[in-house]
Amino acid sequence: MKLAITVNTAARETALEPRFGRTPYFAICDLENNDQLTFVENVATQEAHGAGVMAAQILIDNNAEAIVCAKYGPNGSQALHQAGIACYLFGAETSIEGVVESYKNGSLKTFSA
């Protein structure tokens, strides 16, 4: 199971990024592989239009099954839902580790458009 998290930089100690389509990076945590963490650049950030849909495609291409963010745009969230990627909200979490633990214990709120 791969959990994606929107973040500002490609570093474990990075700040979480609230925007889905304009996030600079996705931290992708492989929960079935010892929580292995990889970072994927969001090339959609430079697009004038359609960043949310392009960002959703990046997650599809990286086999993410869930995403945690603070703000989802309507087109991006629709693309995520159509792809079967579960959407969650950060809540009070401020770190990658905190988000992963909250996901594991089921305390993250789901997002639905």
Protein backbone atom coordinates (compact mmCIF):
# COMPACT_ATOMS: atom_id res chain seq x y z
CA MET A 1 0.00 0.00 0.00
CA LYS A 2 1.48 3.34 -1.07
CA LEU A 3 0.47 6.51 0.76
CA ALA A 4 1.29 9.85 -0.89
CA ILE A 5 1.75 13.06 1.10
CA THR A 6 2.10 16.57 -0.32
CA VAL A 7 5.40 18.17 0.79
CA ASN A 8 7.62 21.18 0.04
CA THR A 9 10.98 19.48 -0.52
CA ALA A 10 12.43 16.04 -1.20
CA ALA A 11 13.60 15.52 2.38
CA ARG A 12 12.26 13.49 5.29
CA GLU A 13 12.16 16.55 7.58
CA THR A 14 10.30 18.77 5.09
CA ALA A 15 7.22 20.86 5.77
CA LEU A 16 3.87 19.57 4.56
CA GLU A 17 2.41 21.44 1.58
CA PRO A 18 -1.33 22.17 1.80
CA ARG A 19 -2.06 22.39 -1.97
CA PHE A 20 -2.54 19.20 -3.95
CA GLY A 21 -2.07 20.29 -7.57
CA ARG A 22 0.68 22.80 -6.81
CA THR A 23 2.69 20.77 -4.31
CA PRO A 24 6.37 20.72 -5.29
CA TYR A 25 6.80 17.05 -4.28
CA PHE A 26 4.93 13.97 -3.23
CA ALA A 27 6.42 11.87 -0.46
CA ILE A 28 5.34 8.32 -1.19
CA CYS A 29 5.50 5.94 1.74
CA ASP A 30 5.37 2.22 0.97
CA LEU A 31 3.56 0.87 4.02
CA GLU A 32 4.16 -2.75 2.98
CA ASN A 33 7.91 -2.25 2.58
CA ASN A 34 9.06 -1.04 5.99
CA ASP A 35 7.61 2.45 5.36
CA GLN A 36 10.19 3.07 2.62
CA LEU A 37 9.97 6.71 1.56
CA THR A 38 10.53 8.04 -1.95
CA PHE A 39 10.01 11.53 -3.32
CA VAL A 40 8.45 12.33 -6.68
CA GLU A 41 8.62 15.80 -8.19
CA ASN A 42 5.29 17.28 -9.23
CA VAL A 43 6.02 18.60 -12.72
CA ALA A 44 2.46 19.98 -12.90
CA THR A 45 3.34 22.97 -10.71
CA GLN A 46 4.40 25.02 -13.74
CA GLU A 47 1.20 24.42 -15.72
CA ALA A 48 -1.20 27.32 -16.17
CA HIS A 49 -4.22 25.01 -16.09
CA GLY A 50 -4.90 21.39 -15.20
CA ALA A 51 -2.30 20.98 -12.45
CA GLY A 52 -4.64 18.91 -10.28
CA VAL A 53 -5.41 16.41 -13.02
CA MET A 54 -1.74 16.15 -13.97
CA ALA A 55 -0.78 15.67 -10.31
CA ALA A 56 -3.38 12.90 -10.02
CA GLN A 57 -1.80 11.19 -13.03
CA ILE A 58 1.59 11.32 -11.30
CA LEU A 59 0.08 9.44 -8.34
CA ILE A 60 -1.58 6.92 -10.64
CA ASP A 61 1.75 6.35 -12.41
CA ASN A 62 3.43 5.77 -9.02
CA ASN A 63 0.74 3.32 -7.84
CA ALA A 64 -0.42 5.46 -4.91
CA GLU A 65 -3.57 4.15 -3.27
CA ALA A 66 -4.16 7.10 -0.93
CA ILE A 67 -3.17 10.78 -0.70
CA VAL A 68 -3.00 13.10 2.30
CA CYS A 69 -3.25 16.84 1.72
CA ALA A 70 -5.03 19.89 3.14
CA LYS A 71 -6.66 21.41 0.02
CA TYR A 72 -7.91 19.62 -3.07
CA GLY A 73 -9.16 21.40 -6.17
CA PRO A 74 -12.34 20.15 -7.83
CA ASN A 75 -10.71 18.71 -10.96
CA GLY A 76 -7.85 17.06 -9.11
CA SER A 77 -10.11 15.52 -6.50
CA GLN A 78 -12.45 14.22 -9.20
CA ALA A 79 -9.51 12.62 -11.03
CA LEU A 80 -8.30 11.03 -7.78
CA HIS A 81 -11.73 9.63 -6.96
CA GLN A 82 -12.15 8.27 -10.50
CA ALA A 83 -8.78 6.53 -10.16
CA GLY A 84 -9.82 4.97 -6.85
CA ILE A 85 -7.23 6.91 -4.83
CA ALA A 86 -8.53 7.60 -1.32
CA CYS A 87 -8.22 11.23 -0.19
CA TYR A 88 -7.48 12.29 3.38
CA LEU A 89 -6.85 15.58 5.19
CA PHE A 90 -3.72 16.44 7.23
CA GLY A 91 -5.66 17.64 10.22
CA ALA A 92 -3.26 18.75 12.94
CA GLU A 93 -0.30 16.74 11.62
CA THR A 94 2.84 18.67 10.72
CA SER A 95 5.30 15.97 9.62
CA ILE A 96 5.51 13.01 7.27
CA GLU A 97 5.92 10.64 10.22
CA GLY A 98 2.89 12.12 11.97
CA VAL A 99 0.75 11.72 8.86
CA VAL A 100 1.86 8.10 8.39
CA GLU A 101 1.10 7.23 12.03
CA SER A 102 -2.29 8.96 11.89
CA TYR A 103 -3.11 7.06 8.71
CA LYS A 104 -2.12 3.76 10.29
CA ASN A 105 -4.24 4.33 13.37
CA GLY A 106 -7.23 5.54 11.32
CA SER A 107 -7.44 9.05 12.77
CA LEU A 108 -7.20 11.03 9.50
CA LYS A 109 -10.42 12.53 8.16
CA THR A 110 -11.45 11.52 4.67
CA PHE A 111 -12.02 14.14 2.00
CA SER A 112 -14.89 13.88 -0.42
CA ALA A 113 -15.80 16.51 -2.99
